[in-house]
């Protein structure tokens, strides 16, 4: 069993109008990147639906040098329409689902820390303040 010590939050870098899920992201990662599976363990759609990605017992492919001991969660959205400019365009349903999922993960993996992908890469991802999110939901 893997030792999990981090939950890393991501965005799909897509506009709010693009309602995709784990199936589409899996296709990008497998057929576009030639990975064996989707890189994230969980994907949260625009309506707040939480979809399974890669099984948690498998190492993800979502954050260089942090995959071995982390769970990757991707929020669908994160850019302005038709442009690659970061934008916090996530829905309240997505944030509520993220809070519920994070609480479940904290119970499953006591002592984990929660981070945005931007803490480990020169990216805006997940384009919202992880600290503010944690405070808002009492996590």
N, C-alpha and C. Protein backbone atom coordinates (compact mmCIF):
# COMPACT_ATOMS: atom_id res chain seq x y z
N UNK A 1 0.83 -1.19 0.00
CA UNK A 1 0.00 0.00 0.00
C UNK A 1 0.88 1.25 0.00
N UNK A 2 0.47 2.24 -0.78
CA UNK A 2 1.21 3.50 -0.85
C UNK A 2 1.05 4.32 0.41
N UNK A 3 2.09 5.03 0.79
CA UNK A 3 2.02 5.98 1.90
C UNK A 3 1.61 7.32 1.30
N UNK A 4 0.42 7.78 1.62
CA UNK A 4 -0.09 9.04 1.10
C UNK A 4 0.14 10.14 2.13
N UNK A 5 0.83 11.22 1.70
CA UNK A 5 1.05 12.33 2.63
C UNK A 5 0.61 13.68 2.06
N UNK A 6 0.11 13.69 0.81
CA UNK A 6 -0.36 14.95 0.22
C UNK A 6 -1.60 14.72 -0.64
N UNK A 7 -2.45 15.72 -0.63
CA UNK A 7 -3.55 15.82 -1.59
C UNK A 7 -3.21 17.04 -2.43
N UNK A 8 -3.15 16.88 -3.75
CA UNK A 8 -2.77 17.99 -4.61
C UNK A 8 -3.95 18.33 -5.51
N UNK A 9 -4.36 19.60 -5.44
CA UNK A 9 -5.52 20.09 -6.18
C UNK A 9 -5.09 20.70 -7.51
N UNK A 10 -5.86 20.39 -8.54
CA UNK A 10 -5.57 20.80 -9.90
C UNK A 10 -6.82 21.38 -10.55
N UNK A 11 -6.63 21.96 -11.73
CA UNK A 11 -7.75 22.33 -12.60
C UNK A 11 -7.47 21.73 -13.98
N UNK A 12 -8.50 21.59 -14.76
CA UNK A 12 -8.35 21.00 -16.10
C UNK A 12 -7.88 22.02 -17.13
N UNK A 13 -7.78 23.29 -16.75
CA UNK A 13 -7.38 24.37 -17.65
C UNK A 13 -8.30 24.43 -18.87
N UNK A 14 -9.59 24.42 -18.59
CA UNK A 14 -10.62 24.52 -19.63
C UNK A 14 -11.59 25.63 -19.26
N UNK A 15 -12.28 26.21 -20.26
CA UNK A 15 -13.26 27.26 -19.95
C UNK A 15 -14.51 26.68 -19.27
N UNK A 16 -15.25 27.54 -18.60
CA UNK A 16 -16.46 27.12 -17.87
C UNK A 16 -17.47 26.45 -18.79
N UNK A 17 -17.47 26.82 -20.06
CA UNK A 17 -18.44 26.24 -21.00
C UNK A 17 -18.11 24.81 -21.40
N UNK A 18 -16.95 24.34 -21.05
CA UNK A 18 -16.51 23.00 -21.45
C UNK A 18 -16.80 22.01 -20.33
N UNK A 19 -17.91 21.31 -20.42
CA UNK A 19 -18.32 20.36 -19.38
C UNK A 19 -17.78 18.98 -19.71
N UNK A 20 -16.59 18.73 -19.21
CA UNK A 20 -15.94 17.44 -19.43
C UNK A 20 -15.84 16.68 -18.13
N UNK A 21 -15.35 15.46 -18.18
CA UNK A 21 -15.18 14.66 -16.98
C UNK A 21 -13.98 13.74 -17.12
N UNK A 22 -13.95 12.72 -16.28
CA UNK A 22 -12.83 11.79 -16.25
C UNK A 22 -12.64 11.09 -17.60
N UNK A 23 -13.72 10.78 -18.30
CA UNK A 23 -13.62 10.08 -19.58
C UNK A 23 -12.81 10.90 -20.59
N UNK A 24 -13.13 12.18 -20.71
CA UNK A 24 -12.44 13.04 -21.67
C UNK A 24 -10.98 13.29 -21.26
N UNK A 25 -10.77 13.52 -19.98
CA UNK A 25 -9.40 13.75 -19.50
C UNK A 25 -8.57 12.48 -19.67
N UNK A 26 -9.17 11.33 -19.39
CA UNK A 26 -8.48 10.06 -19.60
C UNK A 26 -8.06 9.94 -21.07
N UNK A 27 -8.94 10.30 -21.99
CA UNK A 27 -8.63 10.24 -23.41
C UNK A 27 -7.43 11.16 -23.74
N UNK A 28 -7.44 12.38 -23.19
CA UNK A 28 -6.31 13.29 -23.42
C UNK A 28 -5.01 12.70 -22.92
N UNK A 29 -5.06 12.14 -21.71
CA UNK A 29 -3.84 11.62 -21.09
C UNK A 29 -3.34 10.34 -21.77
N UNK A 30 -4.26 9.46 -22.12
CA UNK A 30 -3.86 8.20 -22.74
C UNK A 30 -3.49 8.38 -24.21
N UNK A 31 -4.37 9.01 -24.98
CA UNK A 31 -4.13 9.14 -26.42
C UNK A 31 -3.26 10.34 -26.77
N UNK A 32 -3.34 11.41 -26.00
CA UNK A 32 -2.53 12.60 -26.28
C UNK A 32 -1.14 12.52 -25.67
N UNK A 33 -1.08 12.14 -24.39
CA UNK A 33 0.21 12.09 -23.69
C UNK A 33 0.86 10.71 -23.74
N UNK A 34 0.09 9.71 -24.15
CA UNK A 34 0.55 8.32 -24.20
C UNK A 34 0.88 7.75 -22.82
N UNK A 35 0.08 8.19 -21.83
CA UNK A 35 0.19 7.62 -20.49
C UNK A 35 -0.67 6.38 -20.44
N UNK A 36 -0.51 5.57 -19.42
CA UNK A 36 -1.30 4.34 -19.33
C UNK A 36 -2.71 4.57 -18.82
N UNK A 37 -2.96 5.73 -18.18
CA UNK A 37 -4.29 6.03 -17.62
C UNK A 37 -4.36 7.53 -17.36
N UNK A 38 -5.51 7.97 -16.92
CA UNK A 38 -5.68 9.35 -16.49
C UNK A 38 -4.69 9.63 -15.36
N UNK A 39 -4.18 10.84 -15.29
CA UNK A 39 -3.19 11.17 -14.28
C UNK A 39 -3.77 11.43 -12.89
N UNK A 40 -5.03 11.86 -12.83
CA UNK A 40 -5.68 12.22 -11.56
C UNK A 40 -6.42 11.04 -10.96
N UNK A 41 -6.60 11.08 -9.65
CA UNK A 41 -7.37 10.05 -8.96
C UNK A 41 -8.86 10.40 -8.92
N UNK A 42 -9.17 11.70 -8.93
CA UNK A 42 -10.55 12.17 -8.85
C UNK A 42 -10.73 13.37 -9.76
N UNK A 43 -11.90 13.47 -10.37
CA UNK A 43 -12.26 14.61 -11.22
C UNK A 43 -13.62 15.13 -10.75
N UNK A 44 -13.74 16.45 -10.60
CA UNK A 44 -15.00 17.05 -10.18
C UNK A 44 -15.55 17.87 -11.33
N UNK A 45 -16.68 17.41 -11.85
CA UNK A 45 -17.33 18.06 -13.00
C UNK A 45 -17.96 19.39 -12.59
N UNK A 46 -18.41 20.16 -13.58
CA UNK A 46 -19.00 21.47 -13.36
C UNK A 46 -20.23 21.41 -12.45
N UNK A 47 -21.01 20.34 -12.53
CA UNK A 47 -22.21 20.23 -11.69
C UNK A 47 -21.92 19.66 -10.30
N UNK A 48 -20.65 19.41 -10.00
CA UNK A 48 -20.26 18.89 -8.70
C UNK A 48 -20.15 17.37 -8.64
N UNK A 49 -20.47 16.70 -9.72
CA UNK A 49 -20.34 15.24 -9.75
C UNK A 49 -18.87 14.86 -9.60
N UNK A 50 -18.61 13.94 -8.69
CA UNK A 50 -17.25 13.46 -8.46
C UNK A 50 -17.08 12.15 -9.22
N UNK A 51 -16.08 12.11 -10.08
CA UNK A 51 -15.82 10.91 -10.89
C UNK A 51 -14.47 10.32 -10.53
N UNK A 52 -14.43 8.99 -10.51
CA UNK A 52 -13.17 8.29 -10.23
C UNK A 52 -12.25 8.38 -11.43
N UNK A 53 -10.99 8.59 -11.15
CA UNK A 53 -9.96 8.56 -12.17
C UNK A 53 -9.13 7.31 -11.97
N UNK A 54 -7.85 7.50 -11.83
CA UNK A 54 -6.94 6.39 -11.56
C UNK A 54 -7.21 5.87 -10.15
N UNK A 55 -7.15 4.58 -9.92
CA UNK A 55 -7.38 4.07 -8.56
C UNK A 55 -6.38 4.66 -7.57
N UNK A 56 -6.83 4.93 -6.36
CA UNK A 56 -5.97 5.55 -5.35
C UNK A 56 -4.75 4.71 -5.01
N UNK A 57 -4.85 3.41 -5.14
CA UNK A 57 -3.70 2.56 -4.80
C UNK A 57 -2.59 2.65 -5.84
N UNK A 58 -2.88 3.27 -6.99
CA UNK A 58 -1.87 3.44 -8.03
C UNK A 58 -1.25 4.83 -7.96
N UNK A 59 0.02 4.91 -8.27
CA UNK A 59 0.71 6.20 -8.33
C UNK A 59 0.09 7.01 -9.46
N UNK A 60 -0.20 8.27 -9.20
CA UNK A 60 -0.78 9.14 -10.19
C UNK A 60 0.27 9.71 -11.14
N UNK A 61 -0.20 10.56 -12.04
CA UNK A 61 0.68 11.26 -12.99
C UNK A 61 0.15 12.69 -13.09
N UNK A 62 0.31 13.44 -12.00
CA UNK A 62 -0.29 14.77 -11.94
C UNK A 62 0.62 15.85 -11.39
N UNK A 63 1.72 15.48 -10.73
CA UNK A 63 2.60 16.49 -10.14
C UNK A 63 4.02 15.93 -10.04
N UNK A 64 4.88 16.41 -10.89
CA UNK A 64 6.26 15.95 -10.96
C UNK A 64 6.91 15.93 -9.58
N UNK A 65 7.55 14.83 -9.27
CA UNK A 65 8.26 14.60 -8.00
C UNK A 65 7.35 14.47 -6.78
N UNK A 66 6.04 14.43 -6.99
CA UNK A 66 5.11 14.28 -5.87
C UNK A 66 4.07 13.18 -6.12
N UNK A 67 4.17 12.48 -7.22
CA UNK A 67 3.16 11.49 -7.56
C UNK A 67 3.15 10.27 -6.64
N UNK A 68 4.31 9.84 -6.21
CA UNK A 68 4.42 8.57 -5.47
C UNK A 68 3.60 8.58 -4.18
N UNK A 69 3.50 9.74 -3.53
CA UNK A 69 2.86 9.80 -2.21
C UNK A 69 1.70 10.78 -2.14
N UNK A 70 0.99 10.94 -3.26
CA UNK A 70 -0.10 11.91 -3.26
C UNK A 70 -1.34 11.38 -3.97
N UNK A 71 -2.43 12.08 -3.72
CA UNK A 71 -3.70 11.88 -4.41
C UNK A 71 -3.94 13.15 -5.22
N UNK A 72 -4.23 13.00 -6.50
CA UNK A 72 -4.50 14.14 -7.37
C UNK A 72 -5.99 14.32 -7.60
N UNK A 73 -6.48 15.53 -7.37
CA UNK A 73 -7.89 15.87 -7.57
C UNK A 73 -7.97 17.01 -8.58
N UNK A 74 -8.76 16.83 -9.62
CA UNK A 74 -8.88 17.84 -10.68
C UNK A 74 -10.28 18.44 -10.71
N UNK A 75 -10.34 19.76 -10.64
CA UNK A 75 -11.58 20.50 -10.80
C UNK A 75 -11.69 20.90 -12.27
N UNK A 76 -12.82 20.64 -12.91
CA UNK A 76 -13.00 21.00 -14.31
C UNK A 76 -13.26 22.49 -14.42
N UNK A 77 -12.46 23.15 -15.25
CA UNK A 77 -12.54 24.59 -15.43
C UNK A 77 -11.17 25.20 -15.22
N UNK A 78 -11.16 26.53 -15.02
CA UNK A 78 -9.92 27.20 -14.65
C UNK A 78 -9.33 28.15 -15.67
N UNK A 79 -9.98 28.32 -16.84
CA UNK A 79 -9.49 29.32 -17.79
C UNK A 79 -10.64 30.15 -18.34
N UNK A 80 -10.30 31.32 -18.87
CA UNK A 80 -11.30 32.17 -19.53
C UNK A 80 -11.75 31.52 -20.82
N UNK A 81 -12.90 31.93 -21.31
CA UNK A 81 -13.46 31.39 -22.55
C UNK A 81 -12.54 31.68 -23.74
N UNK A 82 -12.28 30.62 -24.50
CA UNK A 82 -11.49 30.70 -25.73
C UNK A 82 -10.08 31.25 -25.56
N UNK A 83 -9.61 31.36 -24.34
CA UNK A 83 -8.27 31.89 -24.10
C UNK A 83 -7.60 31.07 -23.01
N UNK A 84 -6.31 30.99 -23.04
CA UNK A 84 -5.56 30.25 -22.01
C UNK A 84 -5.15 31.17 -20.86
N UNK A 85 -6.08 32.00 -20.42
CA UNK A 85 -5.84 32.89 -19.29
C UNK A 85 -6.52 32.29 -18.07
N UNK A 86 -5.78 32.10 -16.97
CA UNK A 86 -6.38 31.50 -15.78
C UNK A 86 -7.57 32.30 -15.26
N UNK A 87 -8.59 31.58 -14.79
CA UNK A 87 -9.78 32.21 -14.23
C UNK A 87 -10.42 31.26 -13.24
N UNK A 88 -10.70 31.77 -12.05
CA UNK A 88 -11.42 30.98 -11.05
C UNK A 88 -12.90 31.00 -11.44
N UNK A 89 -13.30 30.03 -12.24
CA UNK A 89 -14.68 29.95 -12.73
C UNK A 89 -15.41 28.72 -12.23
N UNK A 90 -14.99 28.21 -11.09
CA UNK A 90 -15.58 26.99 -10.55
C UNK A 90 -16.93 27.28 -9.90
N UNK A 91 -17.79 26.29 -9.90
CA UNK A 91 -19.14 26.44 -9.35
C UNK A 91 -19.15 26.15 -7.85
N UNK A 92 -20.19 26.65 -7.19
CA UNK A 92 -20.36 26.33 -5.77
C UNK A 92 -20.53 24.83 -5.58
N UNK A 93 -21.20 24.18 -6.52
CA UNK A 93 -21.37 22.72 -6.44
C UNK A 93 -20.02 22.01 -6.48
N UNK A 94 -19.11 22.51 -7.30
CA UNK A 94 -17.77 21.92 -7.36
C UNK A 94 -17.04 22.09 -6.04
N UNK A 95 -17.09 23.30 -5.47
CA UNK A 95 -16.40 23.53 -4.21
C UNK A 95 -17.01 22.70 -3.08
N UNK A 96 -18.33 22.56 -3.06
CA UNK A 96 -18.98 21.74 -2.03
C UNK A 96 -18.54 20.28 -2.18
N UNK A 97 -18.49 19.79 -3.41
CA UNK A 97 -18.05 18.41 -3.65
C UNK A 97 -16.59 18.23 -3.30
N UNK A 98 -15.78 19.24 -3.61
CA UNK A 98 -14.36 19.17 -3.26
C UNK A 98 -14.19 19.10 -1.75
N UNK A 99 -14.94 19.92 -1.02
CA UNK A 99 -14.86 19.90 0.44
C UNK A 99 -15.23 18.53 0.99
N UNK A 100 -16.31 17.95 0.47
CA UNK A 100 -16.74 16.62 0.92
C UNK A 100 -15.66 15.58 0.60
N UNK A 101 -15.12 15.61 -0.61
CA UNK A 101 -14.08 14.65 -1.00
C UNK A 101 -12.83 14.82 -0.14
N UNK A 102 -12.41 16.05 0.08
CA UNK A 102 -11.22 16.29 0.91
C UNK A 102 -11.44 15.77 2.32
N UNK A 103 -12.63 15.97 2.88
CA UNK A 103 -12.92 15.44 4.22
C UNK A 103 -12.80 13.92 4.24
N UNK A 104 -13.31 13.27 3.19
CA UNK A 104 -13.21 11.81 3.10
C UNK A 104 -11.75 11.37 2.98
N UNK A 105 -10.98 12.09 2.19
CA UNK A 105 -9.56 11.75 2.02
C UNK A 105 -8.78 11.98 3.31
N UNK A 106 -9.11 13.06 4.03
CA UNK A 106 -8.45 13.31 5.32
C UNK A 106 -8.73 12.19 6.32
N UNK A 107 -9.94 11.65 6.28
CA UNK A 107 -10.28 10.54 7.17
C UNK A 107 -9.54 9.27 6.77
N UNK A 108 -9.39 9.07 5.46
CA UNK A 108 -8.73 7.87 4.93
C UNK A 108 -7.21 7.93 5.10
N UNK A 109 -6.67 9.13 5.02
CA UNK A 109 -5.22 9.33 5.09
C UNK A 109 -4.88 10.38 6.15
N UNK A 110 -4.97 10.01 7.43
CA UNK A 110 -4.71 10.98 8.50
C UNK A 110 -3.31 11.61 8.37
N UNK A 111 -3.26 12.91 8.61
CA UNK A 111 -1.98 13.61 8.59
C UNK A 111 -1.57 14.16 7.23
N UNK A 112 -2.36 13.93 6.20
CA UNK A 112 -1.99 14.47 4.88
C UNK A 112 -2.08 15.99 4.89
N UNK A 113 -1.34 16.61 4.00
CA UNK A 113 -1.43 18.05 3.80
C UNK A 113 -2.05 18.30 2.43
N UNK A 114 -2.65 19.47 2.27
CA UNK A 114 -3.38 19.79 1.04
C UNK A 114 -2.68 20.95 0.35
N UNK A 115 -2.47 20.80 -0.96
CA UNK A 115 -1.69 21.78 -1.71
C UNK A 115 -2.33 22.04 -3.07
N UNK A 116 -2.01 23.19 -3.62
CA UNK A 116 -2.34 23.48 -5.01
C UNK A 116 -1.16 23.08 -5.87
N UNK A 117 -1.43 22.67 -7.09
CA UNK A 117 -0.36 22.30 -8.02
C UNK A 117 0.64 23.44 -8.20
N UNK A 118 0.16 24.68 -8.11
CA UNK A 118 1.01 25.86 -8.27
C UNK A 118 2.13 25.92 -7.23
N UNK A 119 2.00 25.20 -6.13
CA UNK A 119 3.06 25.18 -5.12
C UNK A 119 4.28 24.40 -5.59
N UNK A 120 4.09 23.56 -6.61
CA UNK A 120 5.16 22.68 -7.08
C UNK A 120 5.55 22.91 -8.53
N UNK A 121 4.83 23.76 -9.23
CA UNK A 121 5.10 24.00 -10.65
C UNK A 121 4.80 25.46 -10.98
N UNK A 122 5.43 25.96 -12.01
CA UNK A 122 5.22 27.34 -12.45
C UNK A 122 3.92 27.43 -13.25
N UNK A 123 2.81 27.20 -12.54
CA UNK A 123 1.48 27.21 -13.14
C UNK A 123 0.53 27.92 -12.19
N UNK A 124 -0.58 28.40 -12.72
CA UNK A 124 -1.60 29.02 -11.87
C UNK A 124 -2.49 27.95 -11.23
N UNK A 125 -2.45 26.76 -11.73
CA UNK A 125 -3.29 25.63 -11.31
C UNK A 125 -3.25 25.44 -9.79
N UNK A 126 -4.35 25.42 -9.10
CA UNK A 126 -5.73 25.27 -9.56
C UNK A 126 -6.48 26.58 -9.77
N UNK A 127 -5.83 27.70 -9.76
CA UNK A 127 -6.35 29.06 -9.98
C UNK A 127 -7.32 29.56 -8.91
N UNK A 128 -7.32 28.95 -7.76
CA UNK A 128 -8.04 29.49 -6.60
C UNK A 128 -7.12 29.31 -5.40
N UNK A 129 -7.38 30.07 -4.37
CA UNK A 129 -6.57 29.98 -3.16
C UNK A 129 -6.95 28.73 -2.38
N UNK A 130 -6.03 27.81 -2.30
CA UNK A 130 -6.28 26.58 -1.55
C UNK A 130 -6.45 26.92 -0.07
N UNK A 131 -5.64 27.84 0.44
CA UNK A 131 -5.75 28.22 1.86
C UNK A 131 -7.12 28.80 2.16
N UNK A 132 -7.63 29.68 1.29
CA UNK A 132 -8.96 30.27 1.49
C UNK A 132 -10.04 29.20 1.42
N UNK A 133 -9.91 28.27 0.49
CA UNK A 133 -10.86 27.17 0.38
C UNK A 133 -10.87 26.35 1.68
N UNK A 134 -9.71 26.01 2.18
CA UNK A 134 -9.63 25.21 3.41
C UNK A 134 -10.26 25.95 4.59
N UNK A 135 -10.00 27.24 4.69
CA UNK A 135 -10.60 28.06 5.76
C UNK A 135 -12.12 28.09 5.64
N UNK A 136 -12.60 28.35 4.43
CA UNK A 136 -14.05 28.46 4.20
C UNK A 136 -14.80 27.21 4.62
N UNK A 137 -14.20 26.05 4.35
CA UNK A 137 -14.87 24.78 4.65
C UNK A 137 -14.39 24.13 5.94
N UNK A 138 -13.60 24.86 6.73
CA UNK A 138 -13.16 24.34 8.02
C UNK A 138 -12.31 23.10 7.93
N UNK A 139 -11.46 23.04 6.94
CA UNK A 139 -10.62 21.85 6.74
C UNK A 139 -9.20 22.06 7.22
